[in-house]
Amino acid sequence: MSLIVLLLVTVVAWCLSLSFDFFPGVLWSWIYWPRWVGWIVLLSFLAWCMDDQS
């Protein structure tokens, strides 16, 4: 399960990175987020999903 979550988060981060590259002004000009905010959200989601529930 943890490996699947890790792969999913990696794919989502890759897709977001591509969308930032392809549409920088169209999609993201109305909001300013520092780049580290997205990584904090993705890493916290990854840590939450990989938490041992046993």
PDB file of N, CA and C in Angstrom:
ATOM      1  N   MET A   1       0.823  -1.197   0.000  1.00  0.00           N
ATOM      2  CA  MET A   1       0.000   0.000   0.000  1.00  0.00           C
ATOM      3  C   MET A   1       0.862   1.254   0.000  1.00  0.00           C
ATOM      4  N   SER A   2       1.921   1.255   0.796  1.00  0.00           N
ATOM      5  CA  SER A   2       2.769   2.440   0.875  1.00  0.00           C
ATOM      6  C   SER A   2       3.482   2.704  -0.445  1.00  0.00           C
ATOM      7  N   LEU A   3       3.856   1.653  -1.138  1.00  0.00           N
ATOM      8  CA  LEU A   3       4.521   1.825  -2.424  1.00  0.00           C
ATOM      9  C   LEU A   3       3.569   2.426  -3.449  1.00  0.00           C
ATOM     10  N   ILE A   4       2.319   2.013  -3.411  1.00  0.00           N
ATOM     11  CA  ILE A   4       1.315   2.564  -4.324  1.00  0.00           C
ATOM     12  C   ILE A   4       1.103   4.043  -4.047  1.00  0.00           C
ATOM     13  N   VAL A   5       1.030   4.416  -2.788  1.00  0.00           N
ATOM     14  CA  VAL A   5       0.857   5.824  -2.423  1.00  0.00           C
ATOM     15  C   VAL A   5       2.070   6.635  -2.852  1.00  0.00           C
ATOM     16  N   LEU A   6       3.252   6.089  -2.660  1.00  0.00           N
ATOM     17  CA  LEU A   6       4.472   6.784  -3.075  1.00  0.00           C
ATOM     18  C   LEU A   6       4.483   7.013  -4.585  1.00  0.00           C
ATOM     19  N   LEU A   7       4.113   6.003  -5.350  1.00  0.00           N
ATOM     20  CA  LEU A   7       4.054   6.152  -6.799  1.00  0.00           C
ATOM     21  C   LEU A   7       2.979   7.149  -7.214  1.00  0.00           C
ATOM     22  N   LEU A   8       1.841   7.126  -6.544  1.00  0.00           N
ATOM     23  CA  LEU A   8       0.760   8.055  -6.859  1.00  0.00           C
ATOM     24  C   LEU A   8       1.178   9.499  -6.603  1.00  0.00           C
ATOM     25  N   VAL A   9       1.806   9.746  -5.473  1.00  0.00           N
ATOM     26  CA  VAL A   9       2.255  11.102  -5.154  1.00  0.00           C
ATOM     27  C   VAL A   9       3.334  11.553  -6.133  1.00  0.00           C
ATOM     28  N   THR A  10       4.203  10.649  -6.539  1.00  0.00           N
ATOM     29  CA  THR A  10       5.233  10.996  -7.513  1.00  0.00           C
ATOM     30  C   THR A  10       4.614  11.368  -8.859  1.00  0.00           C
ATOM     31  N   VAL A  11       3.619  10.617  -9.290  1.00  0.00           N
ATOM     32  CA  VAL A  11       2.954  10.914 -10.561  1.00  0.00           C
ATOM     33  C   VAL A  11       2.209  12.241 -10.483  1.00  0.00           C
ATOM     34  N   VAL A  12       1.536  12.509  -9.370  1.00  0.00           N
ATOM     35  CA  VAL A  12       0.829  13.782  -9.203  1.00  0.00           C
ATOM     36  C   VAL A  12       1.816  14.944  -9.223  1.00  0.00           C
ATOM     37  N   ALA A  13       2.940  14.798  -8.541  1.00  0.00           N
ATOM     38  CA  ALA A  13       3.953  15.858  -8.543  1.00  0.00           C
ATOM     39  C   ALA A  13       4.509  16.070  -9.947  1.00  0.00           C
ATOM     40  N   TRP A  14       4.705  15.005 -10.688  1.00  0.00           N
ATOM     41  CA  TRP A  14       5.208  15.116 -12.051  1.00  0.00           C
ATOM     42  C   TRP A  14       4.197  15.827 -12.946  1.00  0.00           C
ATOM     43  N   CYS A  15       2.909  15.486 -12.814  1.00  0.00           N
ATOM     44  CA  CYS A  15       1.868  16.145 -13.615  1.00  0.00           C
ATOM     45  C   CYS A  15       1.751  17.623 -13.264  1.00  0.00           C
ATOM     46  N   LEU A  16       1.824  17.950 -11.986  1.00  0.00           N
ATOM     47  CA  LEU A  16       1.785  19.358 -11.593  1.00  0.00           C
ATOM     48  C   LEU A  16       2.987  20.112 -12.133  1.00  0.00           C
ATOM     49  N   SER A  17       4.126  19.481 -12.109  1.00  0.00           N
ATOM     50  CA  SER A  17       5.326  20.118 -12.641  1.00  0.00           C
ATOM     51  C   SER A  17       5.184  20.381 -14.139  1.00  0.00           C
ATOM     52  N   LEU A  18       4.635  19.431 -14.866  1.00  0.00           N
ATOM     53  CA  LEU A  18       4.422  19.633 -16.297  1.00  0.00           C
ATOM     54  C   LEU A  18       3.407  20.731 -16.563  1.00  0.00           C
ATOM     55  N   SER A  19       2.342  20.791 -15.762  1.00  0.00           N
ATOM     56  CA  SER A  19       1.338  21.835 -15.975  1.00  0.00           C
ATOM     57  C   SER A  19       1.906  23.215 -15.661  1.00  0.00           C
ATOM     58  N   PHE A  20       2.778  23.317 -14.676  1.00  0.00           N
ATOM     59  CA  PHE A  20       3.434  24.591 -14.398  1.00  0.00           C
ATOM     60  C   PHE A  20       4.312  25.009 -15.574  1.00  0.00           C
ATOM     61  N   ASP A  21       4.939  24.055 -16.227  1.00  0.00           N
ATOM     62  CA  ASP A  21       5.808  24.372 -17.358  1.00  0.00           C
ATOM     63  C   ASP A  21       5.015  24.736 -18.611  1.00  0.00           C
ATOM     64  N   PHE A  22       3.906  24.037 -18.870  1.00  0.00           N
ATOM     65  CA  PHE A  22       3.158  24.260 -20.098  1.00  0.00           C
ATOM     66  C   PHE A  22       2.275  25.501 -20.045  1.00  0.00           C
ATOM     67  N   PHE A  23       1.659  25.757 -18.900  1.00  0.00           N
ATOM     68  CA  PHE A  23       0.711  26.861 -18.790  1.00  0.00           C
ATOM     69  C   PHE A  23       1.081  27.794 -17.644  1.00  0.00           C
ATOM     70  N   PRO A  24       2.229  28.436 -17.686  1.00  0.00           N
ATOM     71  CA  PRO A  24       2.649  29.222 -16.518  1.00  0.00           C
ATOM     72  C   PRO A  24       1.795  30.457 -16.277  1.00  0.00           C
ATOM     73  N   GLY A  25       1.418  31.175 -17.329  1.00  0.00           N
ATOM     74  CA  GLY A  25       0.674  32.411 -17.126  1.00  0.00           C
ATOM     75  C   GLY A  25      -0.824  32.229 -17.122  1.00  0.00           C
ATOM     76  N   VAL A  26      -1.307  31.235 -17.835  1.00  0.00           N
ATOM     77  CA  VAL A  26      -2.750  31.052 -17.984  1.00  0.00           C
ATOM     78  C   VAL A  26      -3.376  30.507 -16.710  1.00  0.00           C
ATOM     79  N   LEU A  27      -2.777  29.461 -16.160  1.00  0.00           N
ATOM     80  CA  LEU A  27      -3.382  28.803 -15.004  1.00  0.00           C
ATOM     81  C   LEU A  27      -2.954  29.390 -13.673  1.00  0.00           C
ATOM     82  N   TRP A  28      -1.733  29.905 -13.596  1.00  0.00           N
ATOM     83  CA  TRP A  28      -1.173  30.201 -12.288  1.00  0.00           C
ATOM     84  C   TRP A  28      -0.880  31.674 -12.061  1.00  0.00           C
ATOM     85  N   SER A  29      -1.286  32.561 -12.971  1.00  0.00           N
ATOM     86  CA  SER A  29      -0.975  33.977 -12.787  1.00  0.00           C
ATOM     87  C   SER A  29      -1.894  34.641 -11.766  1.00  0.00           C
ATOM     88  N   TRP A  30      -3.039  34.058 -11.470  1.00  0.00           N
ATOM     89  CA  TRP A  30      -3.988  34.688 -10.552  1.00  0.00           C
ATOM     90  C   TRP A  30      -3.671  34.417  -9.093  1.00  0.00           C
ATOM     91  N   ILE A  31      -2.750  33.515  -8.813  1.00  0.00           N
ATOM     92  CA  ILE A  31      -2.411  33.204  -7.423  1.00  0.00           C
ATOM     93  C   ILE A  31      -0.898  33.062  -7.321  1.00  0.00           C
ATOM     94  N   TYR A  32      -0.356  33.517  -6.219  1.00  0.00           N
ATOM     95  CA  TYR A  32       1.083  33.364  -5.998  1.00  0.00           C
ATOM     96  C   TYR A  32       1.294  32.453  -4.810  1.00  0.00           C
ATOM     97  N   TRP A  33       1.858  31.307  -5.042  1.00  0.00           N
ATOM     98  CA  TRP A  33       2.264  30.388  -3.986  1.00  0.00           C
ATOM     99  C   TRP A  33       3.751  30.164  -4.128  1.00  0.00           C
ATOM    100  N   PRO A  34       4.464  30.230  -3.036  1.00  0.00           N
ATOM    101  CA  PRO A  34       5.871  29.830  -3.124  1.00  0.00           C
ATOM    102  C   PRO A  34       5.958  28.351  -3.510  1.00  0.00           C
ATOM    103  N   ARG A  35       7.021  27.994  -4.168  1.00  0.00           N
ATOM    104  CA  ARG A  35       7.166  26.623  -4.666  1.00  0.00           C
ATOM    105  C   ARG A  35       7.159  25.597  -3.533  1.00  0.00           C
ATOM    106  N   TRP A  36       7.627  25.971  -2.344  1.00  0.00           N
ATOM    107  CA  TRP A  36       7.719  25.009  -1.250  1.00  0.00           C
ATOM    108  C   TRP A  36       6.356  24.652  -0.679  1.00  0.00           C
ATOM    109  N   VAL A  37       5.320  25.463  -0.918  1.00  0.00           N
ATOM    110  CA  VAL A  37       3.986  25.153  -0.388  1.00  0.00           C
ATOM    111  C   VAL A  37       3.450  23.867  -1.019  1.00  0.00           C
ATOM    112  N   GLY A  38       3.618  23.730  -2.317  1.00  0.00           N
ATOM    113  CA  GLY A  38       3.156  22.515  -2.989  1.00  0.00           C
ATOM    114  C   GLY A  38       3.864  21.272  -2.499  1.00  0.00           C
ATOM    115  N   TRP A  39       5.164  21.396  -2.255  1.00  0.00           N
ATOM    116  CA  TRP A  39       5.913  20.244  -1.764  1.00  0.00           C
ATOM    117  C   TRP A  39       5.499  19.879  -0.347  1.00  0.00           C
ATOM    118  N   ILE A  40       5.200  20.875   0.486  1.00  0.00           N
ATOM    119  CA  ILE A  40       4.746  20.576   1.849  1.00  0.00           C
ATOM    120  C   ILE A  40       3.420  19.828   1.813  1.00  0.00           C
ATOM    121  N   VAL A  41       2.517  20.259   0.944  1.00  0.00           N
ATOM    122  CA  VAL A  41       1.219  19.583   0.826  1.00  0.00           C
ATOM    123  C   VAL A  41       1.407  18.143   0.352  1.00  0.00           C
ATOM    124  N   LEU A  42       2.223  17.946  -0.680  1.00  0.00           N
ATOM    125  CA  LEU A  42       2.436  16.588  -1.187  1.00  0.00           C
ATOM    126  C   LEU A  42       3.140  15.694  -0.175  1.00  0.00           C
ATOM    127  N   LEU A  43       4.141  16.220   0.501  1.00  0.00           N
ATOM    128  CA  LEU A  43       4.854  15.404   1.488  1.00  0.00           C
ATOM    129  C   LEU A  43       3.993  15.096   2.706  1.00  0.00           C
ATOM    130  N   SER A  44       3.151  16.040   3.119  1.00  0.00           N
ATOM    131  CA  SER A  44       2.272  15.751   4.251  1.00  0.00           C
ATOM    132  C   SER A  44       1.218  14.717   3.869  1.00  0.00           C
ATOM    133  N   PHE A  45       0.721  14.774   2.630  1.00  0.00           N
ATOM    134  CA  PHE A  45      -0.214  13.754   2.161  1.00  0.00           C
ATOM    135  C   PHE A  45       0.459  12.390   2.111  1.00  0.00           C
ATOM    136  N   LEU A  46       1.690  12.362   1.639  1.00  0.00           N
ATOM    137  CA  LEU A  46       2.441  11.113   1.588  1.00  0.00           C
ATOM    138  C   LEU A  46       2.665  10.550   2.984  1.00  0.00           C
ATOM    139  N   ALA A  47       3.047  11.395   3.927  1.00  0.00           N
ATOM    140  CA  ALA A  47       3.272  10.933   5.296  1.00  0.00           C
ATOM    141  C   ALA A  47       1.974  10.448   5.932  1.00  0.00           C
ATOM    142  N   TRP A  48       0.870  11.130   5.647  1.00  0.00           N
ATOM    143  CA  TRP A  48      -0.419  10.721   6.208  1.00  0.00           C
ATOM    144  C   TRP A  48      -0.845   9.369   5.643  1.00  0.00           C
ATOM    145  N   CYS A  49      -0.640   9.152   4.343  1.00  0.00           N
ATOM    146  CA  CYS A  49      -1.046   7.889   3.727  1.00  0.00           C
ATOM    147  C   CYS A  49      -0.141   6.735   4.120  1.00  0.00           C
ATOM    148  N   MET A  50       1.106   7.014   4.415  1.00  0.00           N
ATOM    149  CA  MET A  50       2.042   5.948   4.758  1.00  0.00           C
ATOM    150  C   MET A  50       2.076   5.661   6.257  1.00  0.00           C
ATOM    151  N   ASP A  51       1.257   6.351   7.024  1.00  0.00           N
ATOM    152  CA  ASP A  51       1.229   6.146   8.465  1.00  0.00           C
ATOM    153  C   ASP A  51       0.815   4.714   8.779  1.00  0.00           C
ATOM    154  N   ASP A  52       1.512   4.097   9.696  1.00  0.00           N
ATOM    155  CA  ASP A  52       1.223   2.718  10.076  1.00  0.00           C
ATOM    156  C   ASP A  52      -0.007   2.699  10.976  1.00  0.00           C
ATOM    157  N   GLN A  53      -1.052   2.045  10.527  1.00  0.00           N
ATOM    158  CA  GLN A  53      -2.313   2.017  11.267  1.00  0.00           C
ATOM    159  C   GLN A  53      -2.425   0.812  12.196  1.00  0.00           C
ATOM    160  N   SER A  54      -1.444  -0.050  12.228  1.00  0.00           N
ATOM    161  CA  SER A  54      -1.563  -1.277  13.023  1.00  0.00           C
ATOM    162  C   SER A  54      -1.251  -1.074  14.478  1.00  0.00           C
TER     163      SER A  54
END
